[in-house]
Amino acid sequence: RPKDALLALLLLPVLGALPLAAFWAAGAAAEAAGGSTDQILWA
């Protein structure tokens, strides 16, 4: 149980920030490819 609780506490902020990091990374890749604002936001 302590190992389970420790992993849960460590993984909670990582998985919580994952959508934000994915949004930034895909937006940066779409912008680098020369996409329009709509394409950047969609990606």
PDB file of all heavy atoms in Angstrom:
ATOM      1  N   ARG A   1       0.810  -1.221   0.000  1.00  0.00           N
ATOM      2  CA  ARG A   1       0.000   0.000   0.000  1.00  0.00           C
ATOM      3  C   ARG A   1       0.844   1.272   0.000  1.00  0.00           C
ATOM      4  O   ARG A   1       0.509   2.221  -0.713  1.00  0.00           O
ATOM      5  CB  ARG A   1      -0.964  -0.014   1.172  1.00  0.00           C
ATOM      6  CG  ARG A   1      -2.052  -1.039   0.996  1.00  0.00           C
ATOM      7  CD  ARG A   1      -3.217  -0.762   1.919  1.00  0.00           C
ATOM      8  NE  ARG A   1      -4.136  -1.872   1.931  1.00  0.00           N
ATOM      9  CZ  ARG A   1      -5.130  -2.014   1.061  1.00  0.00           C
ATOM     10  NH1 ARG A   1      -5.293  -1.134   0.122  1.00  0.00           N
ATOM     11  NH2 ARG A   1      -5.934  -3.055   1.138  1.00  0.00           N
ATOM     12  N   PRO A   2       1.951   1.341   0.769  1.00  0.00           N
ATOM     13  CA  PRO A   2       2.773   2.559   0.692  1.00  0.00           C
ATOM     14  C   PRO A   2       3.367   2.786  -0.701  1.00  0.00           C
ATOM     15  O   PRO A   2       3.418   3.910  -1.182  1.00  0.00           O
ATOM     16  CB  PRO A   2       3.874   2.334   1.728  1.00  0.00           C
ATOM     17  CG  PRO A   2       3.302   1.360   2.692  1.00  0.00           C
ATOM     18  CD  PRO A   2       2.385   0.493   1.892  1.00  0.00           C
ATOM     19  N   LYS A   3       3.793   1.718  -1.356  1.00  0.00           N
ATOM     20  CA  LYS A   3       4.337   1.853  -2.710  1.00  0.00           C
ATOM     21  C   LYS A   3       3.242   2.312  -3.669  1.00  0.00           C
ATOM     22  O   LYS A   3       3.474   3.176  -4.525  1.00  0.00           O
ATOM     23  CB  LYS A   3       4.921   0.524  -3.173  1.00  0.00           C
ATOM     24  CG  LYS A   3       5.487   0.573  -4.571  1.00  0.00           C
ATOM     25  CD  LYS A   3       5.998  -0.783  -5.008  1.00  0.00           C
ATOM     26  CE  LYS A   3       6.464  -0.742  -6.446  1.00  0.00           C
ATOM     27  NZ  LYS A   3       6.846  -2.067  -6.932  1.00  0.00           N
ATOM     28  N   ASP A   4       2.063   1.762  -3.521  1.00  0.00           N
ATOM     29  CA  ASP A   4       0.929   2.140  -4.351  1.00  0.00           C
ATOM     30  C   ASP A   4       0.589   3.614  -4.154  1.00  0.00           C
ATOM     31  O   ASP A   4       0.397   4.364  -5.113  1.00  0.00           O
ATOM     32  CB  ASP A   4      -0.258   1.248  -4.002  1.00  0.00           C
ATOM     33  CG  ASP A   4      -1.451   1.432  -4.927  1.00  0.00           C
ATOM     34  OD1 ASP A   4      -1.301   2.072  -5.982  1.00  0.00           O
ATOM     35  OD2 ASP A   4      -2.522   0.916  -4.590  1.00  0.00           O
ATOM     36  N   ALA A   5       0.531   4.058  -2.907  1.00  0.00           N
ATOM     37  CA  ALA A   5       0.199   5.457  -2.611  1.00  0.00           C
ATOM     38  C   ALA A   5       1.283   6.407  -3.114  1.00  0.00           C
ATOM     39  O   ALA A   5       0.980   7.479  -3.652  1.00  0.00           O
ATOM     40  CB  ALA A   5       0.003   5.637  -1.106  1.00  0.00           C
ATOM     41  N   LEU A   6       2.545   6.017  -2.973  1.00  0.00           N
ATOM     42  CA  LEU A   6       3.641   6.865  -3.441  1.00  0.00           C
ATOM     43  C   LEU A   6       3.596   7.023  -4.960  1.00  0.00           C
ATOM     44  O   LEU A   6       3.731   8.136  -5.484  1.00  0.00           O
ATOM     45  CB  LEU A   6       4.979   6.283  -3.003  1.00  0.00           C
ATOM     46  CG  LEU A   6       6.208   7.064  -3.443  1.00  0.00           C
ATOM     47  CD1 LEU A   6       6.248   8.413  -2.746  1.00  0.00           C
ATOM     48  CD2 LEU A   6       7.468   6.285  -3.155  1.00  0.00           C
ATOM     49  N   LEU A   7       3.404   5.938  -5.674  1.00  0.00           N
ATOM     50  CA  LEU A   7       3.302   6.019  -7.132  1.00  0.00           C
ATOM     51  C   LEU A   7       2.101   6.852  -7.565  1.00  0.00           C
ATOM     52  O   LEU A   7       2.181   7.610  -8.527  1.00  0.00           O
ATOM     53  CB  LEU A   7       3.217   4.622  -7.736  1.00  0.00           C
ATOM     54  CG  LEU A   7       4.525   3.866  -7.828  1.00  0.00           C
ATOM     55  CD1 LEU A   7       4.274   2.441  -8.312  1.00  0.00           C
ATOM     56  CD2 LEU A   7       5.486   4.563  -8.752  1.00  0.00           C
ATOM     57  N   ALA A   8       1.000   6.731  -6.843  1.00  0.00           N
ATOM     58  CA  ALA A   8      -0.193   7.510  -7.187  1.00  0.00           C
ATOM     59  C   ALA A   8       0.069   9.002  -6.989  1.00  0.00           C
ATOM     60  O   ALA A   8      -0.299   9.819  -7.840  1.00  0.00           O
ATOM     61  CB  ALA A   8      -1.369   7.065  -6.331  1.00  0.00           C
ATOM     62  N   LEU A   9       0.715   9.366  -5.895  1.00  0.00           N
ATOM     63  CA  LEU A   9       1.007  10.776  -5.645  1.00  0.00           C
ATOM     64  C   LEU A   9       2.019  11.336  -6.639  1.00  0.00           C
ATOM     65  O   LEU A   9       1.942  12.509  -7.015  1.00  0.00           O
ATOM     66  CB  LEU A   9       1.519  10.965  -4.216  1.00  0.00           C
ATOM     67  CG  LEU A   9       0.470  10.803  -3.126  1.00  0.00           C
ATOM     68  CD1 LEU A   9       1.117  10.894  -1.758  1.00  0.00           C
ATOM     69  CD2 LEU A   9      -0.603  11.861  -3.264  1.00  0.00           C
ATOM     70  N   LEU A  10       2.966  10.527  -7.062  1.00  0.00           N
ATOM     71  CA  LEU A  10       3.954  10.995  -8.034  1.00  0.00           C
ATOM     72  C   LEU A  10       3.366  11.096  -9.441  1.00  0.00           C
ATOM     73  O   LEU A  10       3.733  11.980 -10.215  1.00  0.00           O
ATOM     74  CB  LEU A  10       5.163  10.054  -8.046  1.00  0.00           C
ATOM     75  CG  LEU A  10       6.045  10.085  -6.810  1.00  0.00           C
ATOM     76  CD1 LEU A  10       7.121   9.015  -6.907  1.00  0.00           C
ATOM     77  CD2 LEU A  10       6.670  11.442  -6.623  1.00  0.00           C
ATOM     78  N   LEU A  11       2.462  10.203  -9.778  1.00  0.00           N
ATOM     79  CA  LEU A  11       1.916  10.173 -11.128  1.00  0.00           C
ATOM     80  C   LEU A  11       0.780  11.171 -11.333  1.00  0.00           C
ATOM     81  O   LEU A  11       0.532  11.585 -12.467  1.00  0.00           O
ATOM     82  CB  LEU A  11       1.420   8.754 -11.441  1.00  0.00           C
ATOM     83  CG  LEU A  11       1.200   8.424 -12.894  1.00  0.00           C
ATOM     84  CD1 LEU A  11       2.526   8.526 -13.652  1.00  0.00           C
ATOM     85  CD2 LEU A  11       0.636   7.044 -13.047  1.00  0.00           C
ATOM     86  N   LEU A  12       0.120  11.595 -10.281  1.00  0.00           N
ATOM     87  CA  LEU A  12      -1.021  12.501 -10.412  1.00  0.00           C
ATOM     88  C   LEU A  12      -0.652  13.811 -11.107  1.00  0.00           C
ATOM     89  O   LEU A  12      -1.297  14.191 -12.086  1.00  0.00           O
ATOM     90  CB  LEU A  12      -1.649  12.755  -9.042  1.00  0.00           C
ATOM     91  CG  LEU A  12      -2.920  13.578  -9.018  1.00  0.00           C
ATOM     92  CD1 LEU A  12      -4.022  12.852  -9.768  1.00  0.00           C
ATOM     93  CD2 LEU A  12      -3.351  13.841  -7.599  1.00  0.00           C
ATOM     94  N   PRO A  13       0.396  14.536 -10.678  1.00  0.00           N
ATOM     95  CA  PRO A  13       0.713  15.779 -11.404  1.00  0.00           C
ATOM     96  C   PRO A  13       1.251  15.544 -12.813  1.00  0.00           C
ATOM     97  O   PRO A  13       1.020  16.345 -13.714  1.00  0.00           O
ATOM     98  CB  PRO A  13       1.756  16.463 -10.528  1.00  0.00           C
ATOM     99  CG  PRO A  13       2.243  15.464  -9.574  1.00  0.00           C
ATOM    100  CD  PRO A  13       1.219  14.372  -9.499  1.00  0.00           C
ATOM    101  N   VAL A  14       1.943  14.421 -13.011  1.00  0.00           N
ATOM    102  CA  VAL A  14       2.479  14.124 -14.347  1.00  0.00           C
ATOM    103  C   VAL A  14       1.337  13.894 -15.330  1.00  0.00           C
ATOM    104  O   VAL A  14       1.313  14.470 -16.425  1.00  0.00           O
ATOM    105  CB  VAL A  14       3.417  12.901 -14.292  1.00  0.00           C
ATOM    106  CG1 VAL A  14       3.811  12.460 -15.683  1.00  0.00           C
ATOM    107  CG2 VAL A  14       4.642  13.208 -13.458  1.00  0.00           C
ATOM    108  N   LEU A  15       0.388  13.057 -14.958  1.00  0.00           N
ATOM    109  CA  LEU A  15      -0.743  12.795 -15.853  1.00  0.00           C
ATOM    110  C   LEU A  15      -1.677  13.990 -15.950  1.00  0.00           C
ATOM    111  O   LEU A  15      -2.355  14.174 -16.960  1.00  0.00           O
ATOM    112  CB  LEU A  15      -1.515  11.560 -15.386  1.00  0.00           C
ATOM    113  CG  LEU A  15      -0.820  10.220 -15.600  1.00  0.00           C
ATOM    114  CD1 LEU A  15      -1.672   9.103 -15.038  1.00  0.00           C
ATOM    115  CD2 LEU A  15      -0.531   9.975 -17.056  1.00  0.00           C
ATOM    116  N   GLY A  16      -1.715  14.811 -14.912  1.00  0.00           N
ATOM    117  CA  GLY A  16      -2.548  16.013 -14.957  1.00  0.00           C
ATOM    118  C   GLY A  16      -2.015  17.051 -15.928  1.00  0.00           C
ATOM    119  O   GLY A  16      -2.772  17.777 -16.573  1.00  0.00           O
ATOM    120  N   ALA A  17      -0.700  17.144 -16.051  1.00  0.00           N
ATOM    121  CA  ALA A  17      -0.082  18.124 -16.948  1.00  0.00           C
ATOM    122  C   ALA A  17       0.100  17.580 -18.361  1.00  0.00           C
ATOM    123  O   ALA A  17       0.485  18.334 -19.259  1.00  0.00           O
ATOM    124  CB  ALA A  17       1.262  18.545 -16.382  1.00  0.00           C
ATOM    125  N   LEU A  18      -0.172  16.323 -18.578  1.00  0.00           N
ATOM    126  CA  LEU A  18       0.050  15.700 -19.888  1.00  0.00           C
ATOM    127  C   LEU A  18      -0.769  16.343 -21.010  1.00  0.00           C
ATOM    128  O   LEU A  18      -0.218  16.592 -22.093  1.00  0.00           O
ATOM    129  CB  LEU A  18      -0.230  14.200 -19.794  1.00  0.00           C
ATOM    130  CG  LEU A  18       0.276  13.340 -20.923  1.00  0.00           C
ATOM    131  CD1 LEU A  18       1.792  13.454 -21.034  1.00  0.00           C
ATOM    132  CD2 LEU A  18      -0.109  11.905 -20.695  1.00  0.00           C
ATOM    133  N   PRO A  19      -2.061  16.663 -20.826  1.00  0.00           N
ATOM    134  CA  PRO A  19      -2.791  17.307 -21.927  1.00  0.00           C
ATOM    135  C   PRO A  19      -2.209  18.665 -22.306  1.00  0.00           C
ATOM    136  O   PRO A  19      -2.136  19.011 -23.480  1.00  0.00           O
ATOM    137  CB  PRO A  19      -4.216  17.457 -21.386  1.00  0.00           C
ATOM    138  CG  PRO A  19      -4.338  16.473 -20.302  1.00  0.00           C
ATOM    139  CD  PRO A  19      -2.966  16.319 -19.722  1.00  0.00           C
ATOM    140  N   LEU A  20      -1.773  19.420 -21.321  1.00  0.00           N
ATOM    141  CA  LEU A  20      -1.177  20.731 -21.595  1.00  0.00           C
ATOM    142  C   LEU A  20       0.129  20.587 -22.370  1.00  0.00           C
ATOM    143  O   LEU A  20       0.373  21.311 -23.343  1.00  0.00           O
ATOM    144  CB  LEU A  20      -0.945  21.470 -20.278  1.00  0.00           C
ATOM    145  CG  LEU A  20      -0.525  22.919 -20.367  1.00  0.00           C
ATOM    146  CD1 LEU A  20      -1.569  23.738 -21.108  1.00  0.00           C
ATOM    147  CD2 LEU A  20      -0.298  23.482 -18.988  1.00  0.00           C
ATOM    148  N   ALA A  21       0.953  19.647 -21.966  1.00  0.00           N
ATOM    149  CA  ALA A  21       2.218  19.414 -22.662  1.00  0.00           C
ATOM    150  C   ALA A  21       1.974  18.917 -24.091  1.00  0.00           C
ATOM    151  O   ALA A  21       2.676  19.326 -25.022  1.00  0.00           O
ATOM    152  CB  ALA A  21       3.059  18.404 -21.888  1.00  0.00           C
ATOM    153  N   ALA A  22       0.986  18.056 -24.278  1.00  0.00           N
ATOM    154  CA  ALA A  22       0.665  17.562 -25.616  1.00  0.00           C
ATOM    155  C   ALA A  22       0.153  18.695 -26.505  1.00  0.00           C
ATOM    156  O   ALA A  22       0.497  18.778 -27.688  1.00  0.00           O
ATOM    157  CB  ALA A  22      -0.371  16.445 -25.533  1.00  0.00           C
ATOM    158  N   PHE A  23      -0.656  19.575 -25.932  1.00  0.00           N
ATOM    159  CA  PHE A  23      -1.168  20.724 -26.689  1.00  0.00           C
ATOM    160  C   PHE A  23      -0.028  21.622 -27.152  1.00  0.00           C
ATOM    161  O   PHE A  23       0.036  22.031 -28.314  1.00  0.00           O
ATOM    162  CB  PHE A  23      -2.159  21.505 -25.825  1.00  0.00           C
ATOM    163  CG  PHE A  23      -2.760  22.686 -26.526  1.00  0.00           C
ATOM    164  CD1 PHE A  23      -3.809  22.511 -27.412  1.00  0.00           C
ATOM    165  CD2 PHE A  23      -2.294  23.953 -26.293  1.00  0.00           C
ATOM    166  CE1 PHE A  23      -4.374  23.599 -28.059  1.00  0.00           C
ATOM    167  CE2 PHE A  23      -2.849  25.044 -26.930  1.00  0.00           C
ATOM    168  CZ  PHE A  23      -3.894  24.866 -27.819  1.00  0.00           C
ATOM    169  N   TRP A  24       0.891  21.926 -26.240  1.00  0.00           N
ATOM    170  CA  TRP A  24       2.027  22.783 -26.586  1.00  0.00           C
ATOM    171  C   TRP A  24       2.918  22.126 -27.638  1.00  0.00           C
ATOM    172  O   TRP A  24       3.354  22.780 -28.582  1.00  0.00           O
ATOM    173  CB  TRP A  24       2.857  23.102 -25.354  1.00  0.00           C
ATOM    174  CG  TRP A  24       2.282  24.173 -24.499  1.00  0.00           C
ATOM    175  CD1 TRP A  24       1.348  25.109 -24.844  1.00  0.00           C
ATOM    176  CD2 TRP A  24       2.600  24.421 -23.135  1.00  0.00           C
ATOM    177  NE1 TRP A  24       1.061  25.912 -23.776  1.00  0.00           N
ATOM    178  CE2 TRP A  24       1.816  25.524 -22.714  1.00  0.00           C
ATOM    179  CE3 TRP A  24       3.457  23.823 -22.221  1.00  0.00           C
ATOM    180  CZ2 TRP A  24       1.887  26.026 -21.429  1.00  0.00           C
ATOM    181  CZ3 TRP A  24       3.523  24.343 -20.946  1.00  0.00           C
ATOM    182  CH2 TRP A  24       2.746  25.424 -20.546  1.00  0.00           C
ATOM    183  N   ALA A  25       3.226  20.853 -27.474  1.00  0.00           N
ATOM    184  CA  ALA A  25       4.128  20.166 -28.399  1.00  0.00           C
ATOM    185  C   ALA A  25       3.514  20.062 -29.798  1.00  0.00           C
ATOM    186  O   ALA A  25       4.190  20.334 -30.802  1.00  0.00           O
ATOM    187  CB  ALA A  25       4.470  18.778 -27.869  1.00  0.00           C
ATOM    188  N   ALA A  26       2.260  19.674 -29.883  1.00  0.00           N
ATOM    189  CA  ALA A  26       1.620  19.549 -31.195  1.00  0.00           C
ATOM    190  C   ALA A  26       1.416  20.913 -31.834  1.00  0.00           C
ATOM    191  O   ALA A  26       1.577  21.066 -33.057  1.00  0.00           O
ATOM    192  CB  ALA A  26       0.284  18.826 -31.058  1.00  0.00           C
ATOM    193  N   GLY A  27       1.100  21.906 -31.034  1.00  0.00           N
ATOM    194  CA  GLY A  27       0.967  23.261 -31.574  1.00  0.00           C
ATOM    195  C   GLY A  27       2.288  23.789 -32.103  1.00  0.00           C
ATOM    196  O   GLY A  27       2.337  24.431 -33.156  1.00  0.00           O
ATOM    197  N   ALA A  28       3.368  23.523 -31.398  1.00  0.00           N
ATOM    198  CA  ALA A  28       4.693  23.954 -31.859  1.00  0.00           C
ATOM    199  C   ALA A  28       5.081  23.234 -33.141  1.00  0.00           C
ATOM    200  O   ALA A  28       5.659  23.839 -34.059  1.00  0.00           O
ATOM    201  CB  ALA A  28       5.732  23.702 -30.774  1.00  0.00           C
ATOM    202  N   ALA A  29       4.770  21.946 -33.232  1.00  0.00           N
ATOM    203  CA  ALA A  29       5.084  21.192 -34.451  1.00  0.00           C
ATOM    204  C   ALA A  29       4.266  21.700 -35.637  1.00  0.00           C
ATOM    205  O   ALA A  29       4.785  21.834 -36.750  1.00  0.00           O
ATOM    206  CB  ALA A  29       4.828  19.706 -34.229  1.00  0.00           C
ATOM    207  N   ALA A  30       2.989  22.022 -35.414  1.00  0.00           N
ATOM    208  CA  ALA A  30       2.151  22.528 -36.500  1.00  0.00           C
ATOM    209  C   ALA A  30       2.603  23.919 -36.919  1.00  0.00           C
ATOM    210  O   ALA A  30       2.578  24.258 -38.106  1.00  0.00           O
ATOM    211  CB  ALA A  30       0.691  22.559 -36.054  1.00  0.00           C
ATOM    212  N   GLU A  31       3.045  24.712 -35.970  1.00  0.00           N
ATOM    213  CA  GLU A  31       3.543  26.046 -36.311  1.00  0.00           C
ATOM    214  C   GLU A  31       4.858  25.963 -37.075  1.00  0.00           C
ATOM    215  O   GLU A  31       5.091  26.713 -38.028  1.00  0.00           O
ATOM    216  CB  GLU A  31       3.733  26.879 -35.042  1.00  0.00           C
ATOM    217  CG  GLU A  31       4.101  28.320 -35.323  1.00  0.00           C
ATOM    218  CD  GLU A  31       4.167  29.149 -34.075  1.00  0.00           C
ATOM    219  OE1 GLU A  31       4.093  28.590 -32.965  1.00  0.00           O
ATOM    220  OE2 GLU A  31       4.304  30.370 -34.220  1.00  0.00           O
ATOM    221  N   ALA A  32       5.718  25.043 -36.683  1.00  0.00           N
ATOM    222  CA  ALA A  32       6.991  24.865 -37.385  1.00  0.00           C
ATOM    223  C   ALA A  32       6.758  24.370 -38.809  1.00  0.00           C
ATOM    224  O   ALA A  32       7.556  24.671 -39.704  1.00  0.00           O
ATOM    225  CB  ALA A  32       7.881  23.886 -36.626  1.00  0.00           C
ATOM    226  N   ALA A  33       5.691  23.637 -39.029  1.00  0.00           N
ATOM    227  CA  ALA A  33       5.380  23.146 -40.371  1.00  0.00           C
ATOM    228  C   ALA A  33       4.721  24.213 -41.233  1.00  0.00           C
ATOM    229  O   ALA A  33       4.459  23.982 -42.410  1.00  0.00           O
ATOM    230  CB  ALA A  33       4.472  21.923 -40.277  1.00  0.00           C
ATOM    231  N   GLY A  34       4.450  25.382 -40.647  1.00  0.00           N
ATOM    232  CA  GLY A  34       3.873  26.484 -41.412  1.00  0.00           C
ATOM    233  C   GLY A  34       2.367  26.463 -41.476  1.00  0.00           C
ATOM    234  O   GLY A  34       1.773  26.999 -42.411  1.00  0.00           O
ATOM    235  N   GLY A  35       1.719  25.876 -40.485  1.00  0.00           N
ATOM    236  CA  GLY A  35       0.267  25.800 -40.478  1.00  0.00           C
ATOM    237  C   GLY A  35      -0.379  27.113 -40.078  1.00  0.00           C
ATOM    238  O   GLY A  35       0.231  27.970 -39.435  1.00  0.00           O
ATOM    239  N   SER A  36      -1.635  27.267 -40.464  1.00  0.00           N
ATOM    240  CA  SER A  36      -2.383  28.456 -40.070  1.00  0.00           C
ATOM    241  C   SER A  36      -2.801  28.324 -38.601  1.00  0.00           C
ATOM    242  O   SER A  36      -2.606  27.284 -37.967  1.00  0.00           O
ATOM    243  CB  SER A  36      -3.620  28.611 -40.956  1.00  0.00           C
ATOM    244  OG  SER A  36      -4.524  27.550 -40.713  1.00  0.00           O
ATOM    245  N   THR A  37      -3.390  29.377 -38.083  1.00  0.00           N
ATOM    246  CA  THR A  37      -3.812  29.367 -36.680  1.00  0.00           C
ATOM    247  C   THR A  37      -4.844  28.269 -36.424  1.00  0.00           C
ATOM    248  O   THR A  37      -4.802  27.598 -35.391  1.00  0.00           O
ATOM    249  CB  THR A  37      -4.399  30.739 -36.292  1.00  0.00           C
ATOM    250  OG1 THR A  37      -3.434  31.753 -36.581  1.00  0.00           O
ATOM    251  CG2 THR A  37      -4.764  30.785 -34.827  1.00  0.00           C
ATOM    252  N   ASP A  38      -5.758  28.088 -37.358  1.00  0.00           N
ATOM    253  CA  ASP A  38      -6.769  27.035 -37.203  1.00  0.00           C
ATOM    254  C   ASP A  38      -6.132  25.652 -37.168  1.00  0.00           C
ATOM    255  O   ASP A  38      -6.521  24.802 -36.373  1.00  0.00           O
ATOM    256  CB  ASP A  38      -7.787  27.092 -38.341  1.00  0.00           C
ATOM    257  CG  ASP A  38      -8.648  28.337 -38.285  1.00  0.00           C
ATOM    258  OD1 ASP A  38      -8.743  28.931 -37.186  1.00  0.00           O
ATOM    259  OD2 ASP A  38      -9.222  28.704 -39.318  1.00  0.00           O
ATOM    260  N   GLN A  39      -5.156  25.431 -38.030  1.00  0.00           N
ATOM    261  CA  GLN A  39      -4.486  24.132 -38.057  1.00  0.00           C
ATOM    262  C   GLN A  39      -3.676  23.892 -36.792  1.00  0.00           C
ATOM    263  O   GLN A  39      -3.626  22.771 -36.280  1.00  0.00           O
ATOM    264  CB  GLN A  39      -3.579  24.037 -39.279  1.00  0.00           C
ATOM    265  CG  GLN A  39      -4.337  24.000 -40.587  1.00  0.00           C
ATOM    266  CD  GLN A  39      -3.425  24.173 -41.781  1.00  0.00           C
ATOM    267  OE1 GLN A  39      -2.306  24.658 -41.649  1.00  0.00           O
ATOM    268  NE2 GLN A  39      -3.906  23.757 -42.949  1.00  0.00           N
ATOM    269  N   ILE A  40      -3.060  24.936 -36.276  1.00  0.00           N
ATOM    270  CA  ILE A  40      -2.272  24.814 -35.045  1.00  0.00           C
ATOM    271  C   ILE A  40      -3.178  24.450 -33.876  1.00  0.00           C
ATOM    272  O   ILE A  40      -2.893  23.538 -33.100  1.00  0.00           O
ATOM    273  CB  ILE A  40      -1.494  26.112 -34.769  1.00  0.00           C
ATOM    274  CG1 ILE A  40      -0.423  26.327 -35.844  1.00  0.00           C
ATOM    275  CG2 ILE A  40      -0.867  26.091 -33.385  1.00  0.00           C
ATOM    276  CD1 ILE A  40       0.200  27.700 -35.815  1.00  0.00           C
ATOM    277  N   LEU A  41      -4.292  25.161 -33.745  1.00  0.00           N
ATOM    278  CA  LEU A  41      -5.226  24.880 -32.648  1.00  0.00           C
ATOM    279  C   LEU A  41      -5.877  23.508 -32.806  1.00  0.00           C
ATOM    280  O   LEU A  41      -6.102  22.807 -31.817  1.00  0.00           O
ATOM    281  CB  LEU A  41      -6.292  25.968 -32.567  1.00  0.00           C
ATOM    282  CG  LEU A  41      -5.796  27.340 -32.111  1.00  0.00           C
ATOM    283  CD1 LEU A  41      -6.914  28.356 -32.185  1.00  0.00           C
ATOM    284  CD2 LEU A  41      -5.227  27.261 -30.714  1.00  0.00           C
ATOM    285  N   TRP A  42      -6.197  23.123 -34.031  1.00  0.00           N
ATOM    286  CA  TRP A  42      -6.795  21.813 -34.264  1.00  0.00           C
ATOM    287  C   TRP A  42      -5.829  20.702 -33.892  1.00  0.00           C
ATOM    288  O   TRP A  42      -6.206  19.746 -33.223  1.00  0.00           O
ATOM    289  CB  TRP A  42      -7.214  21.696 -35.722  1.00  0.00           C
ATOM    290  CG  TRP A  42      -7.950  20.434 -36.016  1.00  0.00           C
ATOM    291  CD1 TRP A  42      -9.285  20.218 -35.844  1.00  0.00           C
ATOM    292  CD2 TRP A  42      -7.401  19.216 -36.507  1.00  0.00           C
ATOM    293  NE1 TRP A  42      -9.589  18.937 -36.208  1.00  0.00           N
ATOM    294  CE2 TRP A  42      -8.459  18.302 -36.620  1.00  0.00           C
ATOM    295  CE3 TRP A  42      -6.126  18.809 -36.860  1.00  0.00           C
ATOM    296  CZ2 TRP A  42      -8.270  17.002 -37.068  1.00  0.00           C
ATOM    297  CZ3 TRP A  42      -5.940  17.511 -37.305  1.00  0.00           C
ATOM    298  CH2 TRP A  42      -7.011  16.624 -37.413  1.00  0.00           C
ATOM    299  N   ALA A  43      -4.570  20.814 -34.333  1.00  0.00           N
ATOM    300  CA  ALA A  43      -3.568  19.791 -34.018  1.00  0.00           C
ATOM    301  C   ALA A  43      -3.310  19.733 -32.515  1.00  0.00           C
ATOM    302  O   ALA A  43      -3.218  18.645 -31.929  1.00  0.00           O
ATOM    303  CB  ALA A  43      -2.263  20.082 -34.762  1.00  0.00           C
TER     304      ALA A  43
END
